[in-house]
Amino acid sequence: LLILFPFFYLTSSILHLTSFLYSYPPGWSDDIVGGQVNTS
């Protein structure tokens, strides 16, 4: 179980990250990226 824990944590974090990115509506992601580019 201790050996499988890092693998489970890694896969769950990757799945959470991808689902978090894909959950954004296209308009929101464009506004966030556009805002970062404009401010910098």
PDB file of N, CA and C in Angstrom:
ATOM      1  N   LEU A   1       0.838  -1.198   0.000  1.00  0.00           N
ATOM      2  CA  LEU A   1       0.000   0.000   0.000  1.00  0.00           C
ATOM      3  C   LEU A   1       0.874   1.251   0.000  1.00  0.00           C
ATOM      4  N   LEU A   2       1.951   1.240   0.753  1.00  0.00           N
ATOM      5  CA  LEU A   2       2.860   2.383   0.752  1.00  0.00           C
ATOM      6  C   LEU A   2       3.548   2.537  -0.599  1.00  0.00           C
ATOM      7  N   ILE A   3       3.722   1.416  -1.307  1.00  0.00           N
ATOM      8  CA  ILE A   3       4.376   1.474  -2.618  1.00  0.00           C
ATOM      9  C   ILE A   3       3.405   2.020  -3.669  1.00  0.00           C
ATOM     10  N   LEU A   4       2.132   1.668  -3.529  1.00  0.00           N
ATOM     11  CA  LEU A   4       1.142   2.105  -4.510  1.00  0.00           C
ATOM     12  C   LEU A   4       0.643   3.521  -4.251  1.00  0.00           C
ATOM     13  N   PHE A   5       0.892   4.044  -3.061  1.00  0.00           N
ATOM     14  CA  PHE A   5       0.373   5.364  -2.719  1.00  0.00           C
ATOM     15  C   PHE A   5       0.908   6.480  -3.628  1.00  0.00           C
ATOM     16  N   PRO A   6       2.222   6.569  -3.877  1.00  0.00           N
ATOM     17  CA  PRO A   6       2.725   7.619  -4.776  1.00  0.00           C
ATOM     18  C   PRO A   6       2.122   7.511  -6.174  1.00  0.00           C
ATOM     19  N   PHE A   7       1.937   6.285  -6.670  1.00  0.00           N
ATOM     20  CA  PHE A   7       1.363   6.091  -7.999  1.00  0.00           C
ATOM     21  C   PHE A   7      -0.090   6.558  -8.021  1.00  0.00           C
ATOM     22  N   PHE A   8      -0.835   6.219  -6.978  1.00  0.00           N
ATOM     23  CA  PHE A   8      -2.238   6.633  -6.882  1.00  0.00           C
ATOM     24  C   PHE A   8      -2.340   8.154  -6.756  1.00  0.00           C
ATOM     25  N   TYR A   9      -1.458   8.746  -5.970  1.00  0.00           N
ATOM     26  CA  TYR A   9      -1.472  10.194  -5.788  1.00  0.00           C
ATOM     27  C   TYR A   9      -1.136  10.909  -7.086  1.00  0.00           C
ATOM     28  N   LEU A  10      -0.157  10.366  -7.825  1.00  0.00           N
ATOM     29  CA  LEU A  10       0.251  10.981  -9.085  1.00  0.00           C
ATOM     30  C   LEU A  10      -0.873  10.915 -10.107  1.00  0.00           C
ATOM     31  N   THR A  11      -1.470   9.735 -10.265  1.00  0.00           N
ATOM     32  CA  THR A  11      -2.543   9.583 -11.256  1.00  0.00           C
ATOM     33  C   THR A  11      -3.761  10.417 -10.874  1.00  0.00           C
ATOM     34  N   SER A  12      -4.104  10.454  -9.593  1.00  0.00           N
ATOM     35  CA  SER A  12      -5.272  11.226  -9.162  1.00  0.00           C
ATOM     36  C   SER A  12      -5.027  12.725  -9.358  1.00  0.00           C
ATOM     37  N   SER A  13      -3.794  13.171  -9.101  1.00  0.00           N
ATOM     38  CA  SER A  13      -3.481  14.583  -9.282  1.00  0.00           C
ATOM     39  C   SER A  13      -3.523  14.959 -10.760  1.00  0.00           C
ATOM     40  N   ILE A  14      -3.047  14.065 -11.622  1.00  0.00           N
ATOM     41  CA  ILE A  14      -3.072  14.323 -13.064  1.00  0.00           C
ATOM     42  C   ILE A  14      -4.514  14.361 -13.567  1.00  0.00           C
ATOM     43  N   LEU A  15      -5.326  13.410 -13.098  1.00  0.00           N
ATOM     44  CA  LEU A  15      -6.726  13.387 -13.517  1.00  0.00           C
ATOM     45  C   LEU A  15      -7.451  14.630 -13.018  1.00  0.00           C
ATOM     46  N   HIS A  16      -7.144  15.062 -11.801  1.00  0.00           N
ATOM     47  CA  HIS A  16      -7.772  16.257 -11.253  1.00  0.00           C
ATOM     48  C   HIS A  16      -7.353  17.492 -12.044  1.00  0.00           C
ATOM     49  N   LEU A  17      -6.069  17.556 -12.422  1.00  0.00           N
ATOM     50  CA  LEU A  17      -5.572  18.703 -13.162  1.00  0.00           C
ATOM     51  C   LEU A  17      -6.211  18.775 -14.541  1.00  0.00           C
ATOM     52  N   THR A  18      -6.266  17.632 -15.245  1.00  0.00           N
ATOM     53  CA  THR A  18      -6.841  17.623 -16.593  1.00  0.00           C
ATOM     54  C   THR A  18      -8.330  17.947 -16.543  1.00  0.00           C
ATOM     55  N   SER A  19      -9.048  17.382 -15.573  1.00  0.00           N
ATOM     56  CA  SER A  19     -10.481  17.665 -15.461  1.00  0.00           C
ATOM     57  C   SER A  19     -10.699  19.131 -15.086  1.00  0.00           C
ATOM     58  N   PHE A  20      -9.791  19.696 -14.285  1.00  0.00           N
ATOM     59  CA  PHE A  20      -9.878  21.106 -13.908  1.00  0.00           C
ATOM     60  C   PHE A  20      -9.679  22.001 -15.132  1.00  0.00           C
ATOM     61  N   LEU A  21      -8.701  21.641 -15.985  1.00  0.00           N
ATOM     62  CA  LEU A  21      -8.440  22.438 -17.179  1.00  0.00           C
ATOM     63  C   LEU A  21      -9.586  22.324 -18.178  1.00  0.00           C
ATOM     64  N   TYR A  22     -10.103  21.106 -18.362  1.00  0.00           N
ATOM     65  CA  TYR A  22     -11.169  20.898 -19.348  1.00  0.00           C
ATOM     66  C   TYR A  22     -12.511  21.418 -18.851  1.00  0.00           C
ATOM     67  N   SER A  23     -12.646  21.657 -17.545  1.00  0.00           N
ATOM     68  CA  SER A  23     -13.917  22.143 -17.013  1.00  0.00           C
ATOM     69  C   SER A  23     -14.106  23.630 -17.317  1.00  0.00           C
ATOM     70  N   TYR A  24     -13.026  24.324 -17.697  1.00  0.00           N
ATOM     71  CA  TYR A  24     -13.135  25.736 -18.045  1.00  0.00           C
ATOM     72  C   TYR A  24     -13.919  25.918 -19.335  1.00  0.00           C
ATOM     73  N   PRO A  25     -14.852  26.850 -19.379  1.00  0.00           N
ATOM     74  CA  PRO A  25     -15.459  27.237 -20.659  1.00  0.00           C
ATOM     75  C   PRO A  25     -14.402  27.936 -21.521  1.00  0.00           C
ATOM     76  N   PRO A  26     -14.480  27.823 -22.855  1.00  0.00           N
ATOM     77  CA  PRO A  26     -13.469  28.434 -23.730  1.00  0.00           C
ATOM     78  C   PRO A  26     -13.317  29.935 -23.488  1.00  0.00           C
ATOM     79  N   GLY A  27     -14.411  30.623 -23.208  1.00  0.00           N
ATOM     80  CA  GLY A  27     -14.344  32.064 -22.986  1.00  0.00           C
ATOM     81  C   GLY A  27     -13.528  32.414 -21.748  1.00  0.00           C
ATOM     82  N   TRP A  28     -13.705  31.616 -20.682  1.00  0.00           N
ATOM     83  CA  TRP A  28     -12.969  31.884 -19.449  1.00  0.00           C
ATOM     84  C   TRP A  28     -11.476  31.713 -19.654  1.00  0.00           C
ATOM     85  N   SER A  29     -11.073  30.613 -20.309  1.00  0.00           N
ATOM     86  CA  SER A  29      -9.652  30.355 -20.512  1.00  0.00           C
ATOM     87  C   SER A  29      -9.048  31.441 -21.400  1.00  0.00           C
ATOM     88  N   ASP A  30      -9.802  31.909 -22.410  1.00  0.00           N
ATOM     89  CA  ASP A  30      -9.296  32.961 -23.286  1.00  0.00           C
ATOM     90  C   ASP A  30      -9.132  34.267 -22.516  1.00  0.00           C
ATOM     91  N   ASP A  31     -10.089  34.572 -21.632  1.00  0.00           N
ATOM     92  CA  ASP A  31     -10.005  35.799 -20.846  1.00  0.00           C
ATOM     93  C   ASP A  31      -8.830  35.753 -19.880  1.00  0.00           C
ATOM     94  N   ILE A  32      -8.609  34.577 -19.256  1.00  0.00           N
ATOM     95  CA  ILE A  32      -7.521  34.435 -18.290  1.00  0.00           C
ATOM     96  C   ILE A  32      -6.173  34.567 -18.997  1.00  0.00           C
ATOM     97  N   VAL A  33      -6.014  33.869 -20.126  1.00  0.00           N
ATOM     98  CA  VAL A  33      -4.751  33.934 -20.873  1.00  0.00           C
ATOM     99  C   VAL A  33      -4.553  35.335 -21.438  1.00  0.00           C
ATOM    100  N   GLY A  34      -5.618  35.928 -21.975  1.00  0.00           N
ATOM    101  CA  GLY A  34      -5.530  37.273 -22.533  1.00  0.00           C
ATOM    102  C   GLY A  34      -5.178  38.292 -21.466  1.00  0.00           C
ATOM    103  N   GLY A  35      -5.749  38.136 -20.269  1.00  0.00           N
ATOM    104  CA  GLY A  35      -5.465  39.053 -19.180  1.00  0.00           C
ATOM    105  C   GLY A  35      -4.016  38.952 -18.736  1.00  0.00           C
ATOM    106  N   GLN A  36      -3.494  37.717 -18.670  1.00  0.00           N
ATOM    107  CA  GLN A  36      -2.109  37.528 -18.260  1.00  0.00           C
ATOM    108  C   GLN A  36      -1.165  38.134 -19.297  1.00  0.00           C
ATOM    109  N   VAL A  37      -1.499  37.971 -20.581  1.00  0.00           N
ATOM    110  CA  VAL A  37      -0.638  38.501 -21.639  1.00  0.00           C
ATOM    111  C   VAL A  37      -0.689  40.026 -21.645  1.00  0.00           C
ATOM    112  N   ASN A  38      -1.886  40.582 -21.440  1.00  0.00           N
ATOM    113  CA  ASN A  38      -2.029  42.033 -21.479  1.00  0.00           C
ATOM    114  C   ASN A  38      -1.360  42.705 -20.283  1.00  0.00           C
ATOM    115  N   THR A  39      -1.448  42.086 -19.105  1.00  0.00           N
ATOM    116  CA  THR A  39      -0.862  42.690 -17.912  1.00  0.00           C
ATOM    117  C   THR A  39       0.654  42.572 -17.916  1.00  0.00           C
ATOM    118  N   SER A  40       1.172  41.528 -18.567  1.00  0.00           N
ATOM    119  CA  SER A  40       2.631  41.336 -18.602  1.00  0.00           C
ATOM    120  C   SER A  40       3.222  41.951 -19.859  1.00  0.00           C
TER     121      SER A  40
END
